[in-house]
Protein backbone atom coordinates (compact mmCIF):
# COMPACT_ATOMS: atom_id res chain seq x y z
CA UNK A 1 -50.26 -18.25 -19.60
CA UNK A 2 -51.28 -17.56 -16.60
CA UNK A 3 -54.50 -19.74 -15.22
CA UNK A 4 -57.10 -17.39 -15.01
CA UNK A 5 -60.79 -17.62 -14.55
CA UNK A 6 -62.24 -14.87 -16.51
CA UNK A 7 -65.75 -13.49 -15.58
CA UNK A 8 -66.78 -11.96 -19.32
CA UNK A 9 -69.51 -9.84 -19.49
CA UNK A 10 -71.78 -9.83 -22.51
CA UNK A 11 -73.68 -7.39 -24.01
CA UNK A 12 -75.08 -7.66 -27.39
CA UNK A 13 -76.46 -4.48 -29.23
CA UNK A 14 -78.02 -4.26 -32.92
CA UNK A 15 -75.84 -1.55 -34.88
CA UNK A 16 -76.68 -1.37 -39.08
CA UNK A 17 -78.93 -4.53 -38.35
CA UNK A 18 -75.18 -6.33 -37.44
CA UNK A 19 -75.89 -8.21 -34.01
CA UNK A 20 -72.33 -6.97 -32.20
CA UNK A 21 -70.48 -8.96 -28.90
CA UNK A 22 -68.82 -6.50 -26.35
CA UNK A 23 -67.28 -7.90 -23.34
CA UNK A 24 -65.45 -7.62 -20.25
CA UNK A 25 -62.21 -8.90 -19.02
CA UNK A 26 -61.47 -6.65 -15.65
CA UNK A 27 -62.26 -9.18 -13.29
CA UNK A 28 -59.23 -11.53 -13.60
CA UNK A 29 -57.68 -14.60 -11.52
CA UNK A 30 -54.01 -14.92 -11.15
CA UNK A 31 -52.53 -18.21 -10.19
CA UNK A 32 -49.03 -18.18 -10.43
CA UNK A 33 -48.85 -21.64 -10.78
CA UNK A 34 -48.15 -24.24 -13.77
CA UNK A 35 -47.07 -27.68 -15.19
CA UNK A 36 -45.07 -28.27 -17.95
CA UNK A 37 -44.82 -31.36 -20.27
CA UNK A 38 -41.06 -31.78 -21.45
CA UNK A 39 -40.72 -34.67 -24.45
CA UNK A 40 -37.78 -36.13 -25.10
CA UNK A 41 -36.15 -36.34 -28.76
CA UNK A 42 -34.70 -39.14 -31.19
CA UNK A 43 -31.92 -38.96 -33.62
CA UNK A 44 -33.41 -40.63 -36.60
CA UNK A 45 -29.54 -40.18 -38.29
CA UNK A 46 -26.46 -37.52 -37.62
CA UNK A 47 -23.45 -37.20 -39.44
CA UNK A 48 -20.41 -35.22 -37.90
CA UNK A 49 -19.60 -31.99 -40.75
CA UNK A 50 -16.51 -30.59 -38.70
CA UNK A 51 -15.35 -28.90 -35.79
CA UNK A 52 -15.52 -25.22 -35.29
CA UNK A 53 -13.25 -22.61 -34.52
CA UNK A 54 -15.72 -21.94 -30.86
CA UNK A 55 -14.67 -26.42 -30.25
CA UNK A 56 -18.20 -27.67 -31.13
CA UNK A 57 -19.34 -29.48 -34.06
CA UNK A 58 -21.25 -29.31 -37.04
CA UNK A 59 -23.65 -31.06 -37.88
CA UNK A 60 -26.75 -32.22 -39.75
CA UNK A 61 -29.40 -34.87 -38.00
CA UNK A 62 -32.89 -35.47 -38.51
CA UNK A 63 -34.67 -35.12 -34.55
CA UNK A 64 -38.03 -36.41 -33.63
CA UNK A 65 -39.58 -36.04 -30.34
CA UNK A 66 -40.94 -38.87 -28.38
CA UNK A 67 -43.70 -39.53 -25.79
CA UNK A 68 -41.51 -40.32 -23.45
CA UNK A 69 -41.93 -36.48 -20.92
CA UNK A 70 -40.09 -34.58 -17.95
CA UNK A 71 -42.34 -32.48 -15.99
CA UNK A 72 -42.01 -29.35 -14.23
CA UNK A 73 -44.48 -27.83 -11.90
CA UNK A 74 -43.22 -23.82 -10.91
CA UNK A 75 -44.61 -22.19 -9.27
CA UNK A 76 -44.19 -17.54 -8.83
CA UNK A 77 -44.50 -14.81 -6.72
CA UNK A 78 -42.91 -11.82 -6.19
CA UNK A 79 -39.57 -11.18 -4.18
CA UNK A 80 -37.55 -8.71 -3.31
CA UNK A 81 -34.14 -10.14 -5.51
CA UNK A 82 -35.13 -13.08 -8.23
CA UNK A 83 -35.05 -16.63 -6.25
CA UNK A 84 -34.24 -20.40 -7.50
CA UNK A 85 -35.49 -23.73 -5.79
CA UNK A 86 -35.27 -26.17 -7.54
CA UNK A 87 -36.17 -29.50 -6.34
CA UNK A 88 -37.45 -32.98 -7.71
CA UNK A 89 -37.26 -36.65 -7.68
CA UNK A 90 -33.67 -38.05 -9.15
CA UNK A 91 -30.72 -37.99 -7.71
CA UNK A 92 -28.03 -37.95 -10.43
CA UNK A 93 -29.24 -34.32 -11.86
CA UNK A 94 -28.13 -31.28 -9.30
CA UNK A 95 -30.80 -29.21 -8.16
CA UNK A 96 -28.43 -25.51 -8.54
CA UNK A 97 -27.05 -23.62 -10.47
CA UNK A 98 -25.40 -26.12 -12.74
CA UNK A 99 -28.50 -27.05 -14.04
CA UNK A 100 -30.14 -25.97 -17.18
CA UNK A 101 -33.54 -25.41 -15.36
CA UNK A 102 -31.32 -22.64 -13.10
CA UNK A 103 -29.57 -21.04 -16.34
CA UNK A 104 -33.20 -20.85 -18.73
CA UNK A 105 -35.05 -19.01 -15.24
CA UNK A 106 -31.89 -17.18 -15.10
CA UNK A 107 -31.45 -16.01 -18.42
CA UNK A 108 -35.58 -15.46 -18.82
CA UNK A 109 -35.50 -13.29 -16.26
CA UNK A 110 -31.78 -11.09 -17.51
CA UNK A 111 -33.53 -10.61 -20.71
CA UNK A 112 -36.56 -9.17 -20.10
CA UNK A 113 -35.84 -7.45 -17.13
CA UNK A 114 -39.65 -8.46 -14.98
CA UNK A 115 -39.57 -7.29 -11.81
CA UNK A 116 -38.10 -9.94 -9.50
CA UNK A 117 -39.61 -12.82 -8.42
CA UNK A 118 -39.31 -16.19 -5.73
CA UNK A 119 -39.55 -19.64 -8.87
CA UNK A 120 -39.94 -22.47 -7.37
CA UNK A 121 -39.58 -25.48 -10.35
CA UNK A 122 -40.28 -29.47 -8.92
CA UNK A 123 -38.27 -31.71 -11.82
CA UNK A 124 -40.64 -34.85 -12.14
CA UNK A 125 -37.45 -36.93 -13.90
CA UNK A 126 -38.42 -39.86 -16.35
CA UNK A 127 -35.75 -39.51 -19.12
CA UNK A 128 -32.74 -40.79 -18.24
CA UNK A 129 -29.86 -38.30 -17.42
CA UNK A 130 -26.03 -38.26 -20.14
CA UNK A 131 -28.69 -40.32 -22.68
CA UNK A 132 -28.80 -39.16 -26.17
CA UNK A 133 -32.37 -37.94 -25.32
CA UNK A 134 -32.20 -34.59 -24.77
CA UNK A 135 -33.68 -34.83 -20.61
CA UNK A 136 -31.37 -31.82 -19.67
CA UNK A 137 -32.00 -29.68 -22.65
CA UNK A 138 -35.99 -30.48 -23.47
CA UNK A 139 -36.23 -28.91 -19.47
CA UNK A 140 -34.44 -25.48 -20.34
CA UNK A 141 -36.62 -25.84 -23.22
CA UNK A 142 -39.83 -26.06 -21.40
CA UNK A 143 -38.77 -23.71 -18.69
CA UNK A 144 -38.68 -20.54 -21.40
CA UNK A 145 -41.54 -21.48 -22.64
CA UNK A 146 -43.33 -21.80 -19.74
CA UNK A 147 -42.12 -18.42 -17.70
CA UNK A 148 -42.62 -16.14 -20.87
CA UNK A 149 -46.34 -18.16 -20.87
CA UNK A 150 -46.58 -17.84 -17.12
CA UNK A 151 -45.72 -13.88 -17.91
CA UNK A 152 -48.26 -13.16 -21.08
CA UNK A 153 -45.59 -12.89 -23.51
CA UNK A 154 -42.60 -11.10 -23.14
CA UNK A 155 -40.65 -13.03 -25.75
CA UNK A 156 -41.80 -14.01 -29.06
CA UNK A 157 -41.75 -16.81 -31.36
CA UNK A 158 -37.68 -16.17 -32.04
CA UNK A 159 -35.84 -14.84 -29.13
CA UNK A 160 -37.75 -17.69 -27.63
CA UNK A 161 -35.40 -19.73 -30.12
CA UNK A 162 -32.39 -17.03 -29.85
CA UNK A 163 -32.44 -17.96 -25.56
CA UNK A 164 -33.15 -21.47 -26.15
CA UNK A 165 -29.63 -21.44 -28.64
CA UNK A 166 -27.39 -20.04 -26.04
CA UNK A 167 -28.40 -22.44 -23.40
CA UNK A 168 -27.50 -25.09 -25.72
CA UNK A 169 -27.92 -27.17 -29.00
CA UNK A 170 -30.55 -29.38 -28.01
CA UNK A 171 -33.36 -26.73 -26.55
CA UNK A 172 -34.58 -25.54 -30.59
CA UNK A 173 -35.90 -28.74 -31.33
CA UNK A 174 -37.75 -29.94 -28.55
CA UNK A 175 -39.15 -25.32 -28.53
CA UNK A 176 -40.33 -26.49 -31.90
CA UNK A 177 -41.13 -30.25 -31.11
CA UNK A 178 -41.93 -33.02 -34.03
CA UNK A 179 -39.86 -33.95 -37.08
CA UNK A 180 -36.49 -31.50 -37.38
CA UNK A 181 -33.41 -31.70 -39.49
CA UNK A 182 -31.17 -29.78 -37.01
CA UNK A 183 -28.08 -27.66 -39.02
CA UNK A 184 -25.10 -26.37 -36.53
CA UNK A 185 -24.30 -27.92 -33.65
CA UNK A 186 -28.22 -27.88 -33.43
CA UNK A 187 -30.13 -24.64 -32.55
CA UNK A 188 -30.47 -24.33 -37.07
CA UNK A 189 -34.08 -25.30 -37.28
CA UNK A 190 -35.88 -26.49 -40.21
CA UNK A 191 -39.32 -27.85 -39.06
CA UNK A 192 -40.21 -31.18 -41.75
CA UNK A 193 -43.08 -32.70 -42.21
CA UNK A 194 -44.63 -35.47 -39.43
CA UNK A 195 -44.20 -39.22 -39.93
CA UNK A 196 -46.17 -41.35 -37.03
CA UNK A 197 -44.08 -44.56 -36.02
CA UNK A 198 -44.16 -46.29 -33.34
CA UNK A 199 -40.58 -46.84 -31.08
CA UNK A 200 -39.26 -48.50 -28.37
CA UNK A 201 -35.67 -47.63 -26.10
CA UNK A 202 -32.82 -49.63 -24.08
CA UNK A 203 -30.30 -47.61 -22.54
CA UNK A 204 -27.21 -50.09 -19.99
CA UNK A 205 -29.03 -48.68 -16.42
CA UNK A 206 -24.90 -47.32 -14.75
CA UNK A 207 -23.64 -46.51 -18.59
CA UNK A 208 -23.81 -42.33 -19.69
CA UNK A 209 -22.08 -40.86 -21.94
CA UNK A 210 -22.47 -37.14 -22.55
CA UNK A 211 -21.45 -35.25 -25.67
CA UNK A 212 -18.45 -33.77 -24.73
CA UNK A 213 -17.23 -37.32 -24.24
CA UNK A 214 -18.64 -38.67 -27.99
CA UNK A 215 -16.69 -35.95 -30.02
CA UNK A 216 -13.68 -35.54 -28.72
CA UNK A 217 -13.83 -39.95 -29.12
CA UNK A 218 -14.98 -38.75 -33.02
CA UNK A 219 -12.15 -36.40 -33.18
CA UNK A 220 -9.65 -39.20 -32.35
CA UNK A 221 -11.16 -42.04 -34.71
CA UNK A 222 -9.71 -43.10 -37.61
CA UNK A 223 -11.76 -42.87 -40.47
CA UNK A 224 -12.68 -45.89 -42.33
CA UNK A 225 -15.13 -47.38 -44.97
CA UNK A 226 -17.48 -48.81 -41.63
CA UNK A 227 -18.44 -45.30 -41.38
CA UNK A 228 -21.02 -44.84 -43.78
CA UNK A 229 -22.60 -48.85 -42.13
CA UNK A 230 -24.04 -46.62 -39.05
CA UNK A 231 -26.80 -44.04 -39.32
CA UNK A 232 -25.21 -42.11 -36.47
CA UNK A 233 -21.40 -40.87 -36.72
CA UNK A 234 -21.02 -41.31 -33.01
CA UNK A 235 -22.29 -44.42 -32.61
CA UNK A 236 -19.46 -45.45 -34.73
CA UNK A 237 -16.85 -43.46 -32.66
CA UNK A 238 -17.57 -44.98 -28.86
CA UNK A 239 -19.22 -48.47 -29.96
CA UNK A 240 -16.05 -49.91 -29.76
CA UNK A 241 -15.10 -48.50 -26.29
CA UNK A 242 -18.47 -49.72 -24.73
CA UNK A 243 -19.31 -53.77 -24.52
CA UNK A 244 -22.99 -52.74 -23.03
CA UNK A 245 -23.36 -51.03 -26.61
CA UNK A 246 -21.87 -54.05 -28.07
CA UNK A 247 -24.35 -55.68 -26.89
CA UNK A 248 -27.14 -53.83 -27.60
CA UNK A 249 -26.28 -54.16 -31.59
CA UNK A 250 -25.40 -57.62 -31.27
CA UNK A 251 -29.21 -58.53 -30.06
CA UNK A 252 -30.88 -55.62 -32.26
CA UNK A 253 -29.11 -55.04 -35.53
CA UNK A 254 -31.37 -52.62 -36.41
CA UNK A 255 -31.03 -50.84 -33.61
CA UNK A 256 -29.70 -47.13 -33.86
CA UNK A 257 -28.20 -44.57 -30.26
CA UNK A 258 -29.64 -41.63 -30.35
CA UNK A 259 -27.35 -38.19 -29.71
CA UNK A 260 -23.75 -38.98 -28.37
CA UNK A 261 -25.39 -42.07 -26.76
CA UNK A 262 -25.65 -44.39 -25.01
CA UNK A 263 -30.25 -44.58 -25.52
CA UNK A 264 -30.45 -47.03 -28.14
CA UNK A 265 -33.94 -47.37 -30.12
CA UNK A 266 -35.81 -48.93 -32.97
CA UNK A 267 -38.19 -48.38 -35.12
CA UNK A 268 -41.80 -50.78 -34.77
CA UNK A 269 -39.74 -52.85 -32.44
CA UNK A 270 -39.63 -53.90 -28.54
CA UNK A 271 -36.94 -54.35 -26.44
CA UNK A 272 -37.04 -56.64 -23.95
CA UNK A 273 -36.22 -56.34 -20.55
CA UNK A 274 -33.08 -57.11 -18.87
CA UNK A 275 -30.32 -57.71 -16.13
CA UNK A 276 -28.39 -54.04 -16.30
CA UNK A 277 -30.35 -52.86 -18.46
CA UNK A 278 -33.81 -49.84 -18.47
CA UNK A 279 -36.77 -50.23 -21.71
CA UNK A 280 -38.91 -48.59 -22.79
CA UNK A 281 -41.39 -49.54 -25.32
CA UNK A 282 -43.99 -48.54 -26.70
CA UNK A 283 -44.06 -45.59 -27.67
CA UNK A 284 -44.23 -42.83 -30.04
CA UNK A 285 -43.76 -39.64 -32.30
CA UNK A 286 -45.12 -36.79 -31.39
CA UNK A 287 -45.91 -33.80 -33.17
CA UNK A 288 -45.81 -31.30 -30.06
CA UNK A 289 -42.62 -30.08 -28.46
CA UNK A 290 -42.74 -28.48 -24.35
CA UNK A 291 -45.98 -27.50 -23.37
CA UNK A 292 -48.34 -26.47 -21.05
CA UNK A 293 -50.66 -29.10 -19.38
CA UNK A 294 -52.17 -27.24 -16.12
């Protein structure tokens, strides 16, 4: 919720041999500014089941949030109409209505019917873009969660999840956090027992792959027995088209592509730094999803 400096007045009285504590919380100072931590996720496995009538694919995937984070610094002030101002440190993402954070803000105010606000958000982006790590999804989930806390929780957890599912397929996992079995197009989640492990990531710097591209190539792929050799069906669909992915797999045969790529992860191992690749070593699986840290 909003950061509050709470002045508490304690009054003790004795009634029927019991000590009763009363408090007065009427004196508060509301500061409409928060900082939200938004974790990346990896797909420990991913099986594509079939294409749906809405154009999406049904999947089954065990996902895990990890200790690589974007941060959203959010402020709000009263306004005559809803105003959304986005800024950040990454030139690869839009800072307008095309950004999922913008869409999350609009959806939240449409749903809650709260009085209009001027919402300003600075996106400190550390999660690579178009990388299969849910960088956009986790920021949007963090935005919905943060606004809900900022404005005294007008939505319960169930309705927050409903809004997440409207915006994308990975938001529910990022909201929940931990180890998750996801089904449907990814929005149907079942928390699993958390297991600690270390992992590292490697991504070709100049290769981003959209989910649309990955699933389109999967649909066109001729099914072969080789598919059973991959933990991620989308890796099977993409690897022949990109030398960068083939190079990662050649040097690190135990590595696995996450989501729609182009990032690979390796559990209990490290990647060496090399030209043309971005490396994140010594990360951890984490129990939490998006959360407020300031």
